Amino acid sequence: MALFLFLLLVAVALGIVGVVVNGLFYLLIIGVVLFLVDLVLSGVRLGHRRGSRPAR
């Protein structure tokens, strides 16, 4: 969970810097890609936990 929050924070920071600083649009793109990767990784982890053990 801490990794998810850290990656989310980094993605938001890169996005803000990419928008504010002129000529650093690529940071916004990197932030968006990092955010999407973070969502995919958290979805994989959640799906893995759900199917690991059957309920009794």
PDB file of N, CA and C in Angstrom:
ATOM      1  N   MET A   1       0.824  -1.190   0.000  1.00  0.00           N
ATOM      2  CA  MET A   1       0.000   0.000   0.000  1.00  0.00           C
ATOM      3  C   MET A   1       0.869   1.256   0.000  1.00  0.00           C
ATOM      4  N   ALA A   2       1.974   1.182   0.707  1.00  0.00           N
ATOM      5  CA  ALA A   2       2.860   2.340   0.753  1.00  0.00           C
ATOM      6  C   ALA A   2       3.477   2.609  -0.614  1.00  0.00           C
ATOM      7  N   LEU A   3       3.799   1.541  -1.348  1.00  0.00           N
ATOM      8  CA  LEU A   3       4.354   1.710  -2.690  1.00  0.00           C
ATOM      9  C   LEU A   3       3.339   2.365  -3.610  1.00  0.00           C
ATOM     10  N   PHE A   4       2.071   1.967  -3.509  1.00  0.00           N
ATOM     11  CA  PHE A   4       1.002   2.566  -4.303  1.00  0.00           C
ATOM     12  C   PHE A   4       0.900   4.061  -4.031  1.00  0.00           C
ATOM     13  N   LEU A   5       0.894   4.437  -2.778  1.00  0.00           N
ATOM     14  CA  LEU A   5       0.776   5.851  -2.426  1.00  0.00           C
ATOM     15  C   LEU A   5       2.002   6.649  -2.853  1.00  0.00           C
ATOM     16  N   PHE A   6       3.182   6.060  -2.732  1.00  0.00           N
ATOM     17  CA  PHE A   6       4.399   6.744  -3.163  1.00  0.00           C
ATOM     18  C   PHE A   6       4.396   6.972  -4.669  1.00  0.00           C
ATOM     19  N   LEU A   7       4.045   5.944  -5.438  1.00  0.00           N
ATOM     20  CA  LEU A   7       3.994   6.096  -6.888  1.00  0.00           C
ATOM     21  C   LEU A   7       2.914   7.086  -7.308  1.00  0.00           C
ATOM     22  N   LEU A   8       1.802   7.100  -6.597  1.00  0.00           N
ATOM     23  CA  LEU A   8       0.750   8.063  -6.888  1.00  0.00           C
ATOM     24  C   LEU A   8       1.237   9.485  -6.629  1.00  0.00           C
ATOM     25  N   LEU A   9       1.946   9.687  -5.540  1.00  0.00           N
ATOM     26  CA  LEU A   9       2.489  11.000  -5.216  1.00  0.00           C
ATOM     27  C   LEU A   9       3.512  11.457  -6.258  1.00  0.00           C
ATOM     28  N   VAL A  10       4.375  10.560  -6.683  1.00  0.00           N
ATOM     29  CA  VAL A  10       5.375  10.892  -7.698  1.00  0.00           C
ATOM     30  C   VAL A  10       4.693  11.228  -9.020  1.00  0.00           C
ATOM     31  N   ALA A  11       3.659  10.465  -9.394  1.00  0.00           N
ATOM     32  CA  ALA A  11       2.952  10.723 -10.643  1.00  0.00           C
ATOM     33  C   ALA A  11       2.286  12.098 -10.623  1.00  0.00           C
ATOM     34  N   VAL A  12       1.673  12.454  -9.513  1.00  0.00           N
ATOM     35  CA  VAL A  12       1.021  13.760  -9.401  1.00  0.00           C
ATOM     36  C   VAL A  12       2.057  14.878  -9.436  1.00  0.00           C
ATOM     37  N   ALA A  13       3.165  14.696  -8.738  1.00  0.00           N
ATOM     38  CA  ALA A  13       4.205  15.722  -8.733  1.00  0.00           C
ATOM     39  C   ALA A  13       4.789  15.924 -10.128  1.00  0.00           C
ATOM     40  N   LEU A  14       5.061  14.839 -10.845  1.00  0.00           N
ATOM     41  CA  LEU A  14       5.584  14.962 -12.202  1.00  0.00           C
ATOM     42  C   LEU A  14       4.572  15.632 -13.126  1.00  0.00           C
ATOM     43  N   GLY A  15       3.300  15.310 -12.947  1.00  0.00           N
ATOM     44  CA  GLY A  15       2.260  15.934 -13.757  1.00  0.00           C
ATOM     45  C   GLY A  15       2.170  17.426 -13.516  1.00  0.00           C
ATOM     46  N   ILE A  16       2.243  17.824 -12.262  1.00  0.00           N
ATOM     47  CA  ILE A  16       2.164  19.256 -11.936  1.00  0.00           C
ATOM     48  C   ILE A  16       3.384  19.994 -12.488  1.00  0.00           C
ATOM     49  N   VAL A  17       4.563  19.433 -12.311  1.00  0.00           N
ATOM     50  CA  VAL A  17       5.771  20.076 -12.829  1.00  0.00           C
ATOM     51  C   VAL A  17       5.720  20.139 -14.350  1.00  0.00           C
ATOM     52  N   GLY A  18       5.217  19.086 -14.983  1.00  0.00           N
ATOM     53  CA  GLY A  18       5.122  19.072 -16.434  1.00  0.00           C
ATOM     54  C   GLY A  18       4.174  20.118 -16.977  1.00  0.00           C
ATOM     55  N   VAL A  19       3.126  20.431 -16.239  1.00  0.00           N
ATOM     56  CA  VAL A  19       2.171  21.451 -16.685  1.00  0.00           C
ATOM     57  C   VAL A  19       2.693  22.858 -16.402  1.00  0.00           C
ATOM     58  N   VAL A  20       3.288  23.062 -15.234  1.00  0.00           N
ATOM     59  CA  VAL A  20       3.681  24.402 -14.806  1.00  0.00           C
ATOM     60  C   VAL A  20       4.925  24.901 -15.541  1.00  0.00           C
ATOM     61  N   VAL A  21       5.946  24.060 -15.633  1.00  0.00           N
ATOM     62  CA  VAL A  21       7.214  24.487 -16.234  1.00  0.00           C
ATOM     63  C   VAL A  21       7.091  24.396 -17.753  1.00  0.00           C
ATOM     64  N   ASN A  22       7.396  25.476 -18.407  1.00  0.00           N
ATOM     65  CA  ASN A  22       7.275  25.535 -19.855  1.00  0.00           C
ATOM     66  C   ASN A  22       8.364  24.678 -20.511  1.00  0.00           C
ATOM     67  N   GLY A  23       7.973  23.813 -21.438  1.00  0.00           N
ATOM     68  CA  GLY A  23       8.920  22.984 -22.158  1.00  0.00           C
ATOM     69  C   GLY A  23       9.172  21.631 -21.534  1.00  0.00           C
ATOM     70  N   LEU A  24       8.517  21.319 -20.433  1.00  0.00           N
ATOM     71  CA  LEU A  24       8.693  20.012 -19.799  1.00  0.00           C
ATOM     72  C   LEU A  24       7.416  19.181 -19.884  1.00  0.00           C
ATOM     73  N   PHE A  25       6.808  19.204 -21.068  1.00  0.00           N
ATOM     74  CA  PHE A  25       5.563  18.462 -21.274  1.00  0.00           C
ATOM     75  C   PHE A  25       5.781  16.958 -21.126  1.00  0.00           C
ATOM     76  N   TYR A  26       7.001  16.506 -21.409  1.00  0.00           N
ATOM     77  CA  TYR A  26       7.289  15.076 -21.304  1.00  0.00           C
ATOM     78  C   TYR A  26       7.145  14.581 -19.864  1.00  0.00           C
ATOM     79  N   LEU A  27       7.337  15.460 -18.882  1.00  0.00           N
ATOM     80  CA  LEU A  27       7.124  15.047 -17.486  1.00  0.00           C
ATOM     81  C   LEU A  27       5.659  14.747 -17.216  1.00  0.00           C
ATOM     82  N   LEU A  28       4.777  15.508 -17.854  1.00  0.00           N
ATOM     83  CA  LEU A  28       3.348  15.222 -17.717  1.00  0.00           C
ATOM     84  C   LEU A  28       3.031  13.850 -18.292  1.00  0.00           C
ATOM     85  N   ILE A  29       3.605  13.532 -19.440  1.00  0.00           N
ATOM     86  CA  ILE A  29       3.378  12.227 -20.055  1.00  0.00           C
ATOM     87  C   ILE A  29       3.927  11.114 -19.165  1.00  0.00           C
ATOM     88  N   ILE A  30       5.116  11.310 -18.607  1.00  0.00           N
ATOM     89  CA  ILE A  30       5.696  10.318 -17.710  1.00  0.00           C
ATOM     90  C   ILE A  30       4.821  10.145 -16.473  1.00  0.00           C
ATOM     91  N   GLY A  31       4.291  11.236 -15.941  1.00  0.00           N
ATOM     92  CA  GLY A  31       3.408  11.161 -14.773  1.00  0.00           C
ATOM     93  C   GLY A  31       2.139  10.390 -15.066  1.00  0.00           C
ATOM     94  N   VAL A  32       1.554  10.608 -16.240  1.00  0.00           N
ATOM     95  CA  VAL A  32       0.326   9.892 -16.618  1.00  0.00           C
ATOM     96  C   VAL A  32       0.621   8.405 -16.792  1.00  0.00           C
ATOM     97  N   VAL A  33       1.729   8.080 -17.456  1.00  0.00           N
ATOM     98  CA  VAL A  33       2.093   6.674 -17.645  1.00  0.00           C
ATOM     99  C   VAL A  33       2.370   6.008 -16.302  1.00  0.00           C
ATOM    100  N   LEU A  34       3.057   6.688 -15.419  1.00  0.00           N
ATOM    101  CA  LEU A  34       3.337   6.146 -14.092  1.00  0.00           C
ATOM    102  C   LEU A  34       2.046   5.920 -13.309  1.00  0.00           C
ATOM    103  N   PHE A  35       1.095   6.839 -13.433  1.00  0.00           N
ATOM    104  CA  PHE A  35      -0.196   6.684 -12.767  1.00  0.00           C
ATOM    105  C   PHE A  35      -0.930   5.458 -13.298  1.00  0.00           C
ATOM    106  N   LEU A  36      -0.921   5.258 -14.604  1.00  0.00           N
ATOM    107  CA  LEU A  36      -1.595   4.094 -15.191  1.00  0.00           C
ATOM    108  C   LEU A  36      -0.925   2.788 -14.772  1.00  0.00           C
ATOM    109  N   VAL A  37       0.400   2.775 -14.733  1.00  0.00           N
ATOM    110  CA  VAL A  37       1.116   1.587 -14.272  1.00  0.00           C
ATOM    111  C   VAL A  37       0.785   1.298 -12.816  1.00  0.00           C
ATOM    112  N   ASP A  38       0.673   2.329 -12.020  1.00  0.00           N
ATOM    113  CA  ASP A  38       0.319   2.177 -10.609  1.00  0.00           C
ATOM    114  C   ASP A  38      -1.073   1.571 -10.456  1.00  0.00           C
ATOM    115  N   LEU A  39      -2.019   2.023 -11.258  1.00  0.00           N
ATOM    116  CA  LEU A  39      -3.368   1.457 -11.200  1.00  0.00           C
ATOM    117  C   LEU A  39      -3.385  -0.002 -11.624  1.00  0.00           C
ATOM    118  N   VAL A  40      -2.633  -0.338 -12.653  1.00  0.00           N
ATOM    119  CA  VAL A  40      -2.577  -1.735 -13.107  1.00  0.00           C
ATOM    120  C   VAL A  40      -1.953  -2.621 -12.044  1.00  0.00           C
ATOM    121  N   LEU A  41      -0.866  -2.174 -11.446  1.00  0.00           N
ATOM    122  CA  LEU A  41      -0.212  -2.969 -10.408  1.00  0.00           C
ATOM    123  C   LEU A  41      -1.110  -3.167  -9.189  1.00  0.00           C
ATOM    124  N   SER A  42      -1.827  -2.133  -8.800  1.00  0.00           N
ATOM    125  CA  SER A  42      -2.730  -2.286  -7.652  1.00  0.00           C
ATOM    126  C   SER A  42      -3.893  -3.204  -8.000  1.00  0.00           C
ATOM    127  N   GLY A  43      -4.358  -3.164  -9.239  1.00  0.00           N
ATOM    128  CA  GLY A  43      -5.419  -4.078  -9.663  1.00  0.00           C
ATOM    129  C   GLY A  43      -4.960  -5.518  -9.680  1.00  0.00           C
ATOM    130  N   VAL A  44      -3.738  -5.754 -10.108  1.00  0.00           N
ATOM    131  CA  VAL A  44      -3.189  -7.112 -10.113  1.00  0.00           C
ATOM    132  C   VAL A  44      -3.039  -7.618  -8.684  1.00  0.00           C
ATOM    133  N   ARG A  45      -2.567  -6.774  -7.808  1.00  0.00           N
ATOM    134  CA  ARG A  45      -2.415  -7.188  -6.403  1.00  0.00           C
ATOM    135  C   ARG A  45      -3.766  -7.492  -5.761  1.00  0.00           C
ATOM    136  N   LEU A  46      -4.757  -6.667  -6.043  1.00  0.00           N
ATOM    137  CA  LEU A  46      -6.081  -6.876  -5.472  1.00  0.00           C
ATOM    138  C   LEU A  46      -6.702  -8.155  -6.016  1.00  0.00           C
ATOM    139  N   GLY A  47      -6.558  -8.399  -7.293  1.00  0.00           N
ATOM    140  CA  GLY A  47      -7.085  -9.620  -7.892  1.00  0.00           C
ATOM    141  C   GLY A  47      -6.390 -10.864  -7.381  1.00  0.00           C
ATOM    142  N   HIS A  48      -5.103 -10.751  -7.121  1.00  0.00           N
ATOM    143  CA  HIS A  48      -4.349 -11.883  -6.599  1.00  0.00           C
ATOM    144  C   HIS A  48      -4.776 -12.208  -5.173  1.00  0.00           C
ATOM    145  N   ARG A  49      -5.022 -11.211  -4.370  1.00  0.00           N
ATOM    146  CA  ARG A  49      -5.456 -11.443  -2.990  1.00  0.00           C
ATOM    147  C   ARG A  49      -6.845 -12.071  -2.944  1.00  0.00           C
ATOM    148  N   ARG A  50      -7.697 -11.647  -3.839  1.00  0.00           N
ATOM    149  CA  ARG A  50      -9.077 -12.132  -3.832  1.00  0.00           C
ATOM    150  C   ARG A  50      -9.145 -13.616  -4.160  1.00  0.00           C
ATOM    151  N   GLY A  51      -8.303 -14.096  -5.049  1.00  0.00           N
ATOM    152  CA  GLY A  51      -8.379 -15.474  -5.477  1.00  0.00           C
ATOM    153  C   GLY A  51      -7.392 -16.407  -4.800  1.00  0.00           C
ATOM    154  N   SER A  52      -6.726 -15.974  -3.762  1.00  0.00           N
ATOM    155  CA  SER A  52      -5.669 -16.795  -3.174  1.00  0.00           C
ATOM    156  C   SER A  52      -6.210 -17.927  -2.321  1.00  0.00           C
ATOM    157  N   ARG A  53      -7.244 -17.688  -1.513  1.00  0.00           N
ATOM    158  CA  ARG A  53      -7.772 -18.751  -0.646  1.00  0.00           C
ATOM    159  C   ARG A  53      -9.286 -18.743  -0.689  1.00  0.00           C
ATOM    160  N   PRO A  54      -9.870 -19.916  -0.804  1.00  0.00           N
ATOM    161  CA  PRO A  54     -11.337 -19.963  -0.796  1.00  0.00           C
ATOM    162  C   PRO A  54     -11.901 -19.728   0.615  1.00  0.00           C
ATOM    163  N   ALA A  55     -13.096 -19.192   0.664  1.00  0.00           N
ATOM    164  CA  ALA A  55     -13.749 -18.939   1.947  1.00  0.00           C
ATOM    165  C   ALA A  55     -14.222 -20.259   2.555  1.00  0.00           C
ATOM    166  N   ARG A  56     -14.220 -20.325   3.869  1.00  0.00           N
ATOM    167  CA  ARG A  56     -14.662 -21.547   4.553  1.00  0.00           C
ATOM    168  C   ARG A  56     -16.090 -21.457   4.958  1.00  0.00           C
TER     169      ARG A  56
END
